[in-house]
Amino acid sequence: MTDLASVLGPNPVPQTQPATSDQSRAEAVEGRLQTAQESKWLSRPRVLWAWALGFSFLLSIFAIFNGGYIGGDYNTHLARILNPNRFFDFSMGDPPIYDLIGHGLFRLIGKNNGFIITYSIIELVVNTVALWWFFLYTERRFRSPILHLAFVLFVTFLPARLIHVVAIGTDWMTIPVFVLLLFRFDKFLSEETSTLKNAALLGLVLTLGIWSKYNFMAFPPALFIIFLFLWWNRRWPLKRFVAICALSLVAPSALVLHDFWQSTRVPDAAAKTIWIPKGGAPSQPEYTYRDLLLLKKRDIELFSAPEFYIRKASDPYTFGFREAHRHSFLALEHMGVFTDTHNHFQELPGAQSIDRFLIPDYKVRRSGKTEIMVASMTLGTIWTLLALIGTPWILFGAVRHLWKDKLEHEDVALLLGTAFFLLMFLLIPFLYWSALTGSWQSRLYMISLLCFFLAGFLLLDRTVVAKWPKLAFDVLTLVIVQCGITVLMAA
């Protein structure tokens, strides 16, 4: 109570104020006390970030030692990591940098399960650090610190992120490289720092992205369009514009073209076999644009959280829910985001050994986990709807800001995240066995999901919560419940 005067400051009511103002004065005092308490609670929000990231880190460590590193590409990457002659095997669908790093770790530790577990832990550490910096990147774009805290908790415990940052495969690299790219491009939001040096550094990061995941090839065209607007708005000399584009985009674009050219020289390369053959079977796509854009009555079946690798007993050649034209893309993606449909974090019967053929098909979902996944997917509908509404809203603002040379952090994230999404999404009707292999899998869209959910929370921050600030606590409560469900699902 001795600090009451310092909290309230000088008496806001003049001495000549009528006695009838006592009630309003008491309300003002109460309001300022409440604000002071909230400010004290949120005075160090980054401590709460650290606690959340630390807890999710321990949760993932537990999963790793339980076989959580075994993803769909585990055996493919393990074979390349152990065999130096396959580093530059351009018949594969992934670039070589992941396997080069893995081979170095293999040489250091030896051929045992320890080096795989260590690699998975390294993936987790890098992603945890990257997520911290992403939260710093987005922090000032929120008016409500409470809502930003809700966003931090939501992303930290997002099931798809928890699962795929520890699985052996190239998908774990997308978020760290994307965050690094955002900070490098941040220099171009100011005319003073739009230098050739920063363009070269941006090009270096983008080249790293291309060699970590070929989906980053969506960024050179997107960045070129952004540079075109910057050139027009800032009246850059033509030589400067050409130099910035060359330093930023030539190296990553050349790397994409080189690797594609190399793949054309290899028989049965993934770059050829993933496409529906002309005049062959199947001649029809398993997903059409109608499947991608519209919801279906059968989508409700997915809210039972089916398992990816479970087949129907009556027909072993029917792969569960993975049937052509059966479900919409949105419902499948929603399920992939909020459940562990592949059973990555479930029980693995038998011993873990680097000499044993291990695939997610072997994993068994523990008792009661399906009901928890159903709850996660059901509550998650709120966040998916927010993302669906918020993404076009923020994206429209991003295009307007690009036109006026007033890009903000969320604008850049949404523009690049949308480009990353469209690269895969628009090609699905042309892919071979897109339903069987799961072209909707959340691991393929991790960058985009991060940006879309950011848009959803920003929508709340600038509309509903801006008008009724106390609703931020309600959103935070719902997010905490969602996170609790995820912990129960993954533990």
Protein backbone atom coordinates (compact mmCIF):
# COMPACT_ATOMS: atom_id res chain seq x y z
CA MET A 1 0.00 0.00 0.00
CA THR A 2 2.94 2.33 0.47
CA ASP A 3 3.40 2.31 -3.33
CA LEU A 4 -0.18 3.36 -4.04
CA ALA A 5 0.73 6.99 -4.66
CA SER A 6 3.48 6.09 -7.07
CA VAL A 7 1.13 3.78 -8.95
CA LEU A 8 -1.69 6.28 -9.21
CA GLY A 9 0.42 9.38 -9.71
CA PRO A 10 -0.91 12.83 -8.93
CA ASN A 11 -4.54 13.20 -8.03
CA PRO A 12 -6.29 13.29 -11.41
CA VAL A 13 -9.38 15.07 -10.02
CA PRO A 14 -9.17 18.82 -9.34
CA GLN A 15 -9.98 19.99 -5.81
CA THR A 16 -12.88 21.99 -7.15
CA GLN A 17 -14.52 18.82 -8.44
CA PRO A 18 -18.07 18.32 -7.07
CA ALA A 19 -18.66 15.58 -4.53
CA THR A 20 -20.79 13.71 -7.06
CA SER A 21 -17.56 12.72 -8.87
CA ASP A 22 -16.52 10.37 -6.04
CA GLN A 23 -17.90 7.31 -7.84
CA SER A 24 -16.15 8.08 -11.13
CA ARG A 25 -12.96 8.83 -9.22
CA ALA A 26 -13.14 5.46 -7.46
CA GLU A 27 -13.68 3.76 -10.83
CA ALA A 28 -10.64 5.53 -12.24
CA VAL A 29 -8.55 4.42 -9.27
CA GLU A 30 -9.73 0.83 -9.68
CA GLY A 31 -9.00 0.90 -13.39
CA ARG A 32 -5.50 2.23 -12.87
CA LEU A 33 -4.79 -0.36 -10.19
CA GLN A 34 -5.89 -3.11 -12.56
CA THR A 35 -3.70 -1.68 -15.32
CA ALA A 36 -0.76 -1.54 -12.92
CA GLN A 37 -1.24 -5.19 -11.97
CA GLU A 38 -1.46 -6.24 -15.62
CA SER A 39 1.65 -4.21 -16.44
CA LYS A 40 3.55 -5.87 -13.60
CA TRP A 41 2.45 -9.31 -14.83
CA LEU A 42 3.47 -8.51 -18.40
CA SER A 43 6.54 -6.44 -17.58
CA ARG A 44 8.77 -9.32 -18.63
CA PRO A 45 6.80 -11.26 -21.26
CA ARG A 46 9.97 -12.74 -22.72
CA VAL A 47 10.45 -14.69 -19.52
CA LEU A 48 7.12 -16.37 -20.28
CA TRP A 49 8.35 -17.07 -23.81
CA ALA A 50 11.44 -18.72 -22.40
CA TRP A 51 9.40 -20.89 -20.03
CA ALA A 52 7.08 -21.97 -22.86
CA LEU A 53 9.93 -22.74 -25.25
CA GLY A 54 11.81 -24.55 -22.51
CA PHE A 55 8.84 -26.74 -21.65
CA SER A 56 8.14 -27.55 -25.31
CA PHE A 57 11.86 -28.34 -25.71
CA LEU A 58 11.71 -30.90 -22.90
CA LEU A 59 8.51 -32.35 -24.35
CA SER A 60 10.25 -32.82 -27.70
CA ILE A 61 13.34 -34.33 -26.07
CA PHE A 62 11.11 -36.95 -24.47
CA ALA A 63 9.57 -37.67 -27.88
CA ILE A 64 12.98 -37.94 -29.55
CA PHE A 65 14.15 -40.65 -27.14
CA ASN A 66 10.84 -42.38 -27.79
CA GLY A 67 11.49 -42.55 -31.53
CA GLY A 68 9.97 -39.22 -32.55
CA TYR A 69 12.77 -38.69 -35.08
CA ILE A 70 11.36 -41.49 -37.26
CA GLY A 71 9.43 -39.74 -40.02
CA GLY A 72 8.34 -40.78 -43.46
CA ASP A 73 11.72 -39.88 -44.99
CA TYR A 74 13.84 -41.40 -42.22
CA ASN A 75 15.26 -44.36 -44.16
CA THR A 76 15.77 -42.34 -47.33
CA HIS A 77 17.89 -39.73 -45.59
CA LEU A 78 19.72 -42.27 -43.44
CA ALA A 79 20.85 -44.14 -46.55
CA ARG A 80 22.18 -40.92 -48.10
CA ILE A 81 23.85 -39.77 -44.88
CA LEU A 82 25.77 -43.04 -44.53
CA ASN A 83 26.81 -43.21 -48.17
CA PRO A 84 29.06 -40.32 -49.37
CA ASN A 85 28.51 -41.40 -52.99
CA ARG A 86 24.86 -40.37 -52.72
CA PHE A 87 25.30 -36.81 -51.42
CA PHE A 88 24.74 -35.36 -54.88
CA ASP A 89 22.17 -37.87 -55.97
CA PHE A 90 19.95 -35.65 -58.09
CA SER A 91 17.43 -38.42 -58.57
CA MET A 92 16.12 -37.53 -55.10
CA GLY A 93 13.61 -34.80 -54.37
CA ASP A 94 15.72 -33.10 -51.69
CA PRO A 95 18.90 -31.03 -51.93
CA PRO A 96 22.13 -32.40 -50.40
CA ILE A 97 22.98 -29.97 -47.57
CA TYR A 98 20.95 -31.86 -44.95
CA ASP A 99 22.75 -35.11 -45.73
CA LEU A 100 26.16 -33.42 -45.80
CA ILE A 101 25.64 -32.08 -42.28
CA GLY A 102 24.35 -35.47 -41.14
CA HIS A 103 27.39 -37.26 -42.57
CA GLY A 104 29.72 -34.93 -40.67
CA LEU A 105 27.88 -35.79 -37.46
CA PHE A 106 28.04 -39.49 -38.36
CA ARG A 107 31.82 -39.24 -38.77
CA LEU A 108 32.12 -37.51 -35.42
CA ILE A 109 29.92 -39.87 -33.36
CA GLY A 110 30.00 -43.13 -35.28
CA LYS A 111 27.43 -45.53 -36.67
CA ASN A 112 25.03 -45.86 -33.79
CA ASN A 113 21.64 -44.59 -32.79
CA GLY A 114 23.28 -41.80 -30.81
CA PHE A 115 24.21 -39.81 -33.88
CA ILE A 116 20.62 -39.85 -35.16
CA ILE A 117 19.29 -38.75 -31.78
CA THR A 118 21.95 -36.04 -31.61
CA TYR A 119 21.00 -34.79 -35.08
CA SER A 120 17.35 -34.63 -34.02
CA ILE A 121 18.27 -32.66 -30.89
CA ILE A 122 20.31 -30.22 -33.00
CA GLU A 123 17.26 -29.72 -35.21
CA LEU A 124 15.23 -28.96 -32.11
CA VAL A 125 17.77 -26.48 -30.71
CA VAL A 126 18.03 -24.55 -33.99
CA ASN A 127 14.26 -24.36 -34.35
CA THR A 128 13.80 -23.21 -30.76
CA VAL A 129 16.28 -20.35 -31.28
CA ALA A 130 14.66 -19.46 -34.61
CA LEU A 131 11.22 -19.35 -33.01
CA TRP A 132 12.51 -16.95 -30.32
CA TRP A 133 13.73 -14.57 -33.02
CA PHE A 134 10.45 -14.89 -34.90
CA PHE A 135 8.62 -13.80 -31.77
CA LEU A 136 10.95 -10.80 -31.50
CA TYR A 137 10.24 -10.05 -35.17
CA THR A 138 6.47 -10.01 -34.61
CA GLU A 139 6.34 -8.53 -31.09
CA ARG A 140 6.00 -4.85 -32.05
CA ARG A 141 3.32 -5.57 -34.63
CA PHE A 142 0.81 -6.39 -31.86
CA ARG A 143 -0.98 -3.66 -29.97
CA SER A 144 -1.96 -6.08 -27.20
CA PRO A 145 1.00 -7.77 -25.44
CA ILE A 146 -1.45 -10.29 -24.02
CA LEU A 147 -2.57 -11.32 -27.49
CA HIS A 148 1.03 -11.57 -28.67
CA LEU A 149 1.73 -13.84 -25.70
CA ALA A 150 -1.21 -15.98 -26.81
CA PHE A 151 0.31 -16.18 -30.29
CA VAL A 152 3.68 -17.17 -28.80
CA LEU A 153 2.14 -19.99 -26.79
CA PHE A 154 0.00 -21.15 -29.70
CA VAL A 155 2.92 -21.47 -32.14
CA THR A 156 5.25 -22.94 -29.53
CA PHE A 157 2.86 -25.82 -28.84
CA LEU A 158 1.40 -26.17 -32.34
CA PRO A 159 1.32 -29.98 -32.86
CA ALA A 160 2.59 -29.89 -36.46
CA ARG A 161 5.57 -27.75 -35.47
CA LEU A 162 6.45 -29.91 -32.44
CA ILE A 163 6.38 -33.04 -34.59
CA HIS A 164 8.27 -31.98 -37.69
CA VAL A 165 11.13 -30.04 -36.08
CA VAL A 166 12.51 -33.30 -34.68
CA ALA A 167 11.76 -35.75 -37.51
CA ILE A 168 14.72 -36.72 -39.67
CA GLY A 169 14.19 -34.90 -42.97
CA THR A 170 14.66 -31.54 -44.64
CA ASP A 171 11.41 -29.95 -43.44
CA TRP A 172 12.88 -28.93 -40.08
CA MET A 173 15.17 -26.43 -41.86
CA THR A 174 12.40 -24.30 -43.37
CA ILE A 175 11.47 -22.21 -40.31
CA PRO A 176 15.07 -21.31 -39.30
CA VAL A 177 16.02 -20.29 -42.84
CA PHE A 178 12.78 -18.36 -43.26
CA VAL A 179 13.32 -16.40 -40.04
CA LEU A 180 16.89 -15.62 -41.10
CA LEU A 181 15.56 -14.48 -44.47
CA LEU A 182 13.01 -12.17 -42.80
CA PHE A 183 15.73 -10.44 -40.80
CA ARG A 184 17.95 -10.07 -43.87
CA PHE A 185 15.12 -8.60 -45.93
CA ASP A 186 14.27 -6.29 -43.04
CA LYS A 187 17.18 -4.14 -44.23
CA PHE A 188 15.22 -3.31 -47.40
CA LEU A 189 12.34 -1.79 -45.48
CA SER A 190 14.57 1.28 -45.13
CA GLU A 191 16.10 3.15 -48.04
CA GLU A 192 19.31 3.78 -46.09
CA THR A 193 20.02 0.07 -45.56
CA SER A 194 18.98 -1.11 -49.04
CA THR A 195 22.63 -1.59 -49.91
CA LEU A 196 24.44 -3.94 -52.25
CA LYS A 197 26.08 -5.60 -49.23
CA ASN A 198 22.70 -6.44 -47.76
CA ALA A 199 21.53 -7.67 -51.15
CA ALA A 200 24.48 -10.06 -51.28
CA LEU A 201 23.74 -11.33 -47.76
CA LEU A 202 20.10 -11.83 -48.70
CA GLY A 203 21.19 -13.82 -51.73
CA LEU A 204 23.45 -15.96 -49.53
CA VAL A 205 20.59 -16.81 -47.17
CA LEU A 206 18.24 -17.56 -50.07
CA THR A 207 20.85 -19.86 -51.61
CA LEU A 208 21.09 -21.66 -48.28
CA GLY A 209 17.31 -21.99 -48.37
CA ILE A 210 17.30 -23.51 -51.85
CA TRP A 211 19.85 -26.11 -50.83
CA SER A 212 17.94 -26.96 -47.68
CA LYS A 213 14.51 -27.30 -49.34
CA TYR A 214 13.65 -26.82 -53.00
CA ASN A 215 10.34 -25.18 -52.06
CA PHE A 216 12.35 -22.03 -51.39
CA MET A 217 12.44 -21.59 -55.17
CA ALA A 218 9.12 -19.78 -54.67
CA PHE A 219 10.99 -16.83 -53.15
CA PRO A 220 13.14 -15.47 -56.04
CA PRO A 221 10.06 -14.55 -58.16
CA ALA A 222 8.30 -13.08 -55.11
CA LEU A 223 11.34 -11.03 -54.10
CA PHE A 224 11.83 -9.83 -57.68
CA ILE A 225 8.28 -8.44 -57.70
CA ILE A 226 8.91 -6.70 -54.37
CA PHE A 227 12.15 -5.21 -55.72
CA LEU A 228 10.27 -3.95 -58.78
CA PHE A 229 7.95 -1.92 -56.56
CA LEU A 230 10.84 -0.65 -54.45
CA TRP A 231 12.65 0.45 -57.63
CA TRP A 232 9.55 2.27 -58.85
CA ASN A 233 8.64 3.93 -55.55
CA ARG A 234 12.15 4.92 -54.48
CA ARG A 235 13.30 5.97 -57.94
CA TRP A 236 16.37 3.76 -57.87
CA PRO A 237 18.79 4.14 -60.78
CA LEU A 238 18.52 1.23 -63.17
CA LYS A 239 22.07 0.09 -62.38
CA ARG A 240 21.30 -0.10 -58.67
CA PHE A 241 18.11 -2.07 -59.28
CA VAL A 242 19.91 -4.55 -61.54
CA ALA A 243 22.78 -4.92 -59.07
CA ILE A 244 20.45 -5.58 -56.12
CA CYS A 245 18.44 -8.14 -58.09
CA ALA A 246 21.60 -9.83 -59.35
CA LEU A 247 23.21 -10.09 -55.93
CA SER A 248 20.00 -11.33 -54.31
CA LEU A 249 18.52 -13.62 -56.92
CA VAL A 250 21.06 -14.86 -59.45
CA ALA A 251 22.89 -17.38 -57.23
CA PRO A 252 19.77 -19.10 -55.81
CA SER A 253 18.06 -19.12 -59.20
CA ALA A 254 21.17 -20.58 -60.86
CA LEU A 255 21.33 -23.28 -58.20
CA VAL A 256 17.71 -24.27 -58.88
CA LEU A 257 18.32 -24.44 -62.62
CA HIS A 258 21.54 -26.41 -62.15
CA ASP A 259 19.94 -29.03 -59.92
CA PHE A 260 16.94 -29.33 -62.22
CA TRP A 261 19.24 -29.80 -65.20
CA GLN A 262 21.18 -32.48 -63.33
CA SER A 263 17.95 -34.30 -62.48
CA THR A 264 16.98 -34.47 -66.17
CA ARG A 265 20.13 -36.51 -66.80
CA VAL A 266 19.19 -39.16 -64.24
CA PRO A 267 16.71 -41.91 -65.11
CA ASP A 268 13.63 -42.12 -62.89
CA ALA A 269 14.49 -38.91 -61.05
CA ALA A 270 11.89 -37.62 -58.63
CA ALA A 271 11.65 -34.44 -60.68
CA LYS A 272 10.14 -36.60 -63.45
CA THR A 273 8.22 -39.31 -61.61
CA ILE A 274 6.16 -37.04 -59.34
CA TRP A 275 4.08 -35.79 -62.28
CA ILE A 276 1.03 -37.49 -63.80
CA PRO A 277 2.24 -39.06 -67.04
CA LYS A 278 0.67 -37.97 -70.28
CA GLY A 279 -1.56 -40.68 -71.68
CA GLY A 280 -0.58 -43.12 -68.94
CA ALA A 281 -2.26 -44.41 -65.80
CA PRO A 282 -3.48 -42.75 -63.75
CA SER A 283 -4.52 -40.16 -66.29
CA GLN A 284 -6.74 -38.28 -63.84
CA PRO A 285 -5.52 -36.40 -60.76
CA GLU A 286 -6.45 -37.61 -57.29
CA TYR A 287 -7.10 -34.01 -56.27
CA THR A 288 -8.69 -31.42 -58.51
CA TYR A 289 -8.98 -27.70 -57.84
CA ARG A 290 -12.53 -28.39 -56.73
CA ASP A 291 -11.16 -30.69 -54.02
CA LEU A 292 -8.64 -28.04 -53.04
CA LEU A 293 -11.04 -25.13 -52.74
CA LEU A 294 -14.35 -26.59 -51.53
CA LEU A 295 -15.39 -28.38 -48.35
CA LYS A 296 -17.11 -31.80 -48.48
CA LYS A 297 -19.66 -33.61 -46.37
CA ARG A 298 -17.18 -36.41 -45.72
CA ASP A 299 -14.78 -33.97 -44.09
CA ILE A 300 -16.57 -34.64 -40.82
CA GLU A 301 -14.99 -38.13 -40.88
CA LEU A 302 -11.60 -36.58 -40.28
CA PHE A 303 -12.72 -35.22 -36.92
CA SER A 304 -12.31 -38.78 -35.61
CA ALA A 305 -8.52 -38.26 -36.01
CA PRO A 306 -7.80 -41.29 -38.25
CA GLU A 307 -4.30 -42.74 -38.53
CA PHE A 308 -2.31 -42.10 -41.70
CA TYR A 309 -0.95 -45.63 -42.08
CA ILE A 310 -4.00 -47.67 -41.04
CA ARG A 311 -5.63 -49.58 -43.91
CA LYS A 312 -9.13 -50.96 -44.08
CA ALA A 313 -9.31 -54.59 -42.95
CA SER A 314 -11.85 -55.38 -45.68
CA ASP A 315 -9.59 -54.04 -48.40
CA PRO A 316 -5.84 -53.91 -47.64
CA TYR A 317 -5.23 -51.99 -50.86
CA THR A 318 -7.36 -49.07 -49.65
CA PHE A 319 -5.20 -46.75 -47.60
CA GLY A 320 -7.64 -45.59 -44.95
CA PHE A 321 -8.80 -42.03 -45.48
CA ARG A 322 -6.29 -41.44 -48.29
CA GLU A 323 -8.74 -41.88 -51.13
CA ALA A 324 -8.95 -39.72 -54.24
CA HIS A 325 -11.54 -36.91 -54.08
CA ARG A 326 -12.82 -38.11 -50.69
CA HIS A 327 -11.91 -35.10 -48.54
CA SER A 328 -11.15 -31.44 -49.07
CA PHE A 329 -7.64 -30.06 -48.82
CA LEU A 330 -8.60 -27.70 -46.01
CA ALA A 331 -9.98 -30.45 -43.77
CA LEU A 332 -6.95 -32.68 -44.38
CA GLU A 333 -4.57 -29.81 -43.64
CA HIS A 334 -6.48 -28.92 -40.48
CA MET A 335 -6.19 -32.51 -39.29
CA GLY A 336 -2.47 -32.58 -40.06
CA VAL A 337 -1.87 -29.37 -38.10
CA PHE A 338 -3.72 -30.27 -34.91
CA THR A 339 -3.24 -34.06 -34.59
CA ASP A 340 -0.43 -36.59 -34.75
CA THR A 341 -1.98 -38.43 -37.65
CA HIS A 342 1.36 -40.12 -38.48
CA ASN A 343 1.83 -41.27 -34.85
CA HIS A 344 5.29 -39.70 -34.73
CA PHE A 345 5.11 -39.15 -30.96
CA GLN A 346 3.44 -42.50 -30.19
CA GLU A 347 4.92 -45.84 -29.08
CA LEU A 348 7.51 -47.67 -31.19
CA PRO A 349 7.44 -51.44 -30.48
CA GLY A 350 10.84 -53.09 -30.42
CA ALA A 351 14.30 -51.65 -30.07
CA GLN A 352 15.56 -48.47 -31.70
CA SER A 353 18.58 -49.34 -33.80
CA ILE A 354 20.31 -47.71 -36.72
CA ASP A 355 20.57 -51.15 -38.33
CA ARG A 356 16.83 -51.75 -38.09
CA PHE A 357 14.43 -50.73 -40.85
CA LEU A 358 12.21 -48.19 -39.10
CA ILE A 359 9.15 -46.46 -40.52
CA PRO A 360 6.22 -44.61 -38.88
CA ASP A 361 3.93 -47.48 -39.92
CA TYR A 362 5.32 -49.48 -37.00
CA LYS A 363 4.24 -46.96 -34.38
CA VAL A 364 1.21 -47.67 -32.22
CA ARG A 365 -1.13 -44.96 -30.94
CA ARG A 366 -1.43 -45.14 -27.17
CA SER A 367 -4.79 -45.67 -25.49
CA GLY A 368 -6.82 -42.49 -25.08
CA LYS A 369 -4.71 -40.43 -27.48
CA THR A 370 -7.29 -40.49 -30.27
CA GLU A 371 -9.85 -38.75 -28.04
CA ILE A 372 -7.28 -36.11 -27.14
CA MET A 373 -6.51 -35.54 -30.83
CA VAL A 374 -10.22 -35.17 -31.53
CA ALA A 375 -10.37 -32.47 -28.85
CA SER A 376 -7.32 -30.74 -30.31
CA MET A 377 -8.78 -30.75 -33.80
CA THR A 378 -12.18 -29.54 -32.57
CA LEU A 379 -10.86 -26.58 -30.58
CA GLY A 380 -8.35 -25.91 -33.35
CA THR A 381 -11.24 -25.04 -35.66
CA ILE A 382 -11.27 -21.58 -34.05
CA TRP A 383 -7.68 -20.88 -35.07
CA THR A 384 -8.11 -22.27 -38.58
CA LEU A 385 -11.11 -20.01 -39.16
CA LEU A 386 -9.15 -17.02 -37.86
CA ALA A 387 -6.30 -17.85 -40.23
CA LEU A 388 -8.71 -18.18 -43.16
CA ILE A 389 -10.18 -14.75 -42.47
CA GLY A 390 -7.01 -13.02 -41.36
CA THR A 391 -4.75 -14.15 -44.21
CA PRO A 392 -6.57 -12.37 -47.07
CA TRP A 393 -7.14 -9.36 -44.79
CA ILE A 394 -3.44 -8.94 -43.97
CA LEU A 395 -2.44 -9.92 -47.51
CA PHE A 396 -4.64 -7.21 -49.02
CA GLY A 397 -2.99 -4.71 -46.69
CA ALA A 398 0.43 -6.04 -47.68
CA VAL A 399 -0.27 -5.43 -51.37
CA ARG A 400 -1.49 -1.92 -50.56
CA HIS A 401 1.61 -1.22 -48.45
CA LEU A 402 3.86 -2.60 -51.20
CA TRP A 403 2.26 -0.19 -53.65
CA LYS A 404 2.91 2.73 -51.27
CA ASP A 405 6.39 1.57 -50.16
CA LYS A 406 5.19 1.12 -46.56
CA LEU A 407 5.89 -2.55 -46.00
CA GLU A 408 5.74 -3.82 -42.42
CA HIS A 409 7.08 -7.04 -40.91
CA GLU A 410 3.80 -8.92 -41.22
CA ASP A 411 3.47 -7.80 -44.86
CA VAL A 412 6.79 -9.36 -45.84
CA ALA A 413 6.01 -12.54 -43.91
CA LEU A 414 2.59 -12.93 -45.56
CA LEU A 415 3.84 -12.19 -49.06
CA LEU A 416 6.63 -14.75 -48.81
CA GLY A 417 4.54 -17.27 -46.86
CA THR A 418 1.80 -17.13 -49.49
CA ALA A 419 4.31 -17.63 -52.30
CA PHE A 420 5.73 -20.66 -50.47
CA PHE A 421 2.22 -22.09 -50.09
CA LEU A 422 1.09 -21.50 -53.67
CA LEU A 423 4.15 -23.21 -55.15
CA MET A 424 3.00 -26.56 -53.80
CA PHE A 425 -0.74 -25.96 -53.58
CA LEU A 426 -1.28 -25.01 -57.23
CA LEU A 427 0.68 -28.02 -58.49
CA ILE A 428 -1.23 -30.68 -56.53
CA PRO A 429 -3.69 -31.55 -59.38
CA PHE A 430 -0.68 -32.43 -61.55
CA LEU A 431 1.06 -34.67 -59.00
CA TYR A 432 1.21 -38.45 -59.19
CA TRP A 433 -0.58 -40.23 -56.27
CA SER A 434 -1.17 -36.96 -54.44
CA ALA A 435 -3.79 -38.54 -52.13
CA LEU A 436 -1.73 -41.62 -51.33
CA THR A 437 1.46 -39.73 -50.49
CA GLY A 438 -0.37 -36.89 -48.74
CA SER A 439 0.44 -33.73 -50.68
CA TRP A 440 -1.58 -31.87 -48.01
CA GLN A 441 0.80 -32.81 -45.19
CA SER A 442 1.51 -29.93 -42.82
CA ARG A 443 5.28 -30.48 -42.96
CA LEU A 444 5.23 -29.21 -46.54
CA TYR A 445 3.69 -25.87 -45.53
CA MET A 446 5.32 -25.06 -42.17
CA ILE A 447 6.43 -21.56 -43.21
CA SER A 448 3.01 -20.74 -44.61
CA LEU A 449 1.19 -22.05 -41.54
CA LEU A 450 3.34 -19.83 -39.33
CA CYS A 451 2.38 -16.79 -41.41
CA PHE A 452 -1.31 -17.66 -41.75
CA PHE A 453 -1.79 -18.10 -38.01
CA LEU A 454 0.10 -14.85 -37.46
CA ALA A 455 -2.45 -13.17 -39.72
CA GLY A 456 -5.30 -14.66 -37.70
CA PHE A 457 -3.99 -13.32 -34.40
CA LEU A 458 -3.25 -9.92 -35.94
CA LEU A 459 -6.83 -9.81 -37.18
CA LEU A 460 -8.03 -10.22 -33.59
CA ASP A 461 -5.50 -7.68 -32.34
CA ARG A 462 -6.66 -4.95 -34.72
CA THR A 463 -10.39 -5.53 -34.66
CA VAL A 464 -12.12 -7.28 -31.76
CA VAL A 465 -9.40 -6.86 -29.11
CA ALA A 466 -8.77 -3.27 -30.19
CA LYS A 467 -12.39 -2.51 -29.34
CA TRP A 468 -12.70 -4.75 -26.28
CA PRO A 469 -9.18 -5.17 -24.81
CA LYS A 470 -10.26 -7.53 -22.03
CA LEU A 471 -11.14 -10.16 -24.65
CA ALA A 472 -7.39 -10.71 -25.05
CA PHE A 473 -7.48 -12.64 -21.76
CA ASP A 474 -10.25 -14.86 -23.13
CA VAL A 475 -8.18 -15.62 -26.22
CA LEU A 476 -5.17 -16.35 -24.02
CA THR A 477 -7.29 -18.74 -21.96
CA LEU A 478 -8.43 -20.62 -25.06
CA VAL A 479 -4.84 -20.84 -26.28
CA ILE A 480 -3.68 -22.22 -22.93
CA VAL A 481 -6.40 -24.90 -23.17
CA GLN A 482 -5.24 -25.72 -26.71
CA CYS A 483 -1.64 -25.98 -25.51
CA GLY A 484 -2.69 -28.22 -22.62
CA ILE A 485 -4.42 -30.58 -25.04
CA THR A 486 -1.27 -30.70 -27.16
CA VAL A 487 0.86 -31.56 -24.13
CA LEU A 488 -1.48 -34.42 -23.25
CA MET A 489 -1.38 -35.63 -26.85
CA ALA A 490 2.42 -35.54 -27.14
CA ALA A 491 3.48 -36.63 -23.67
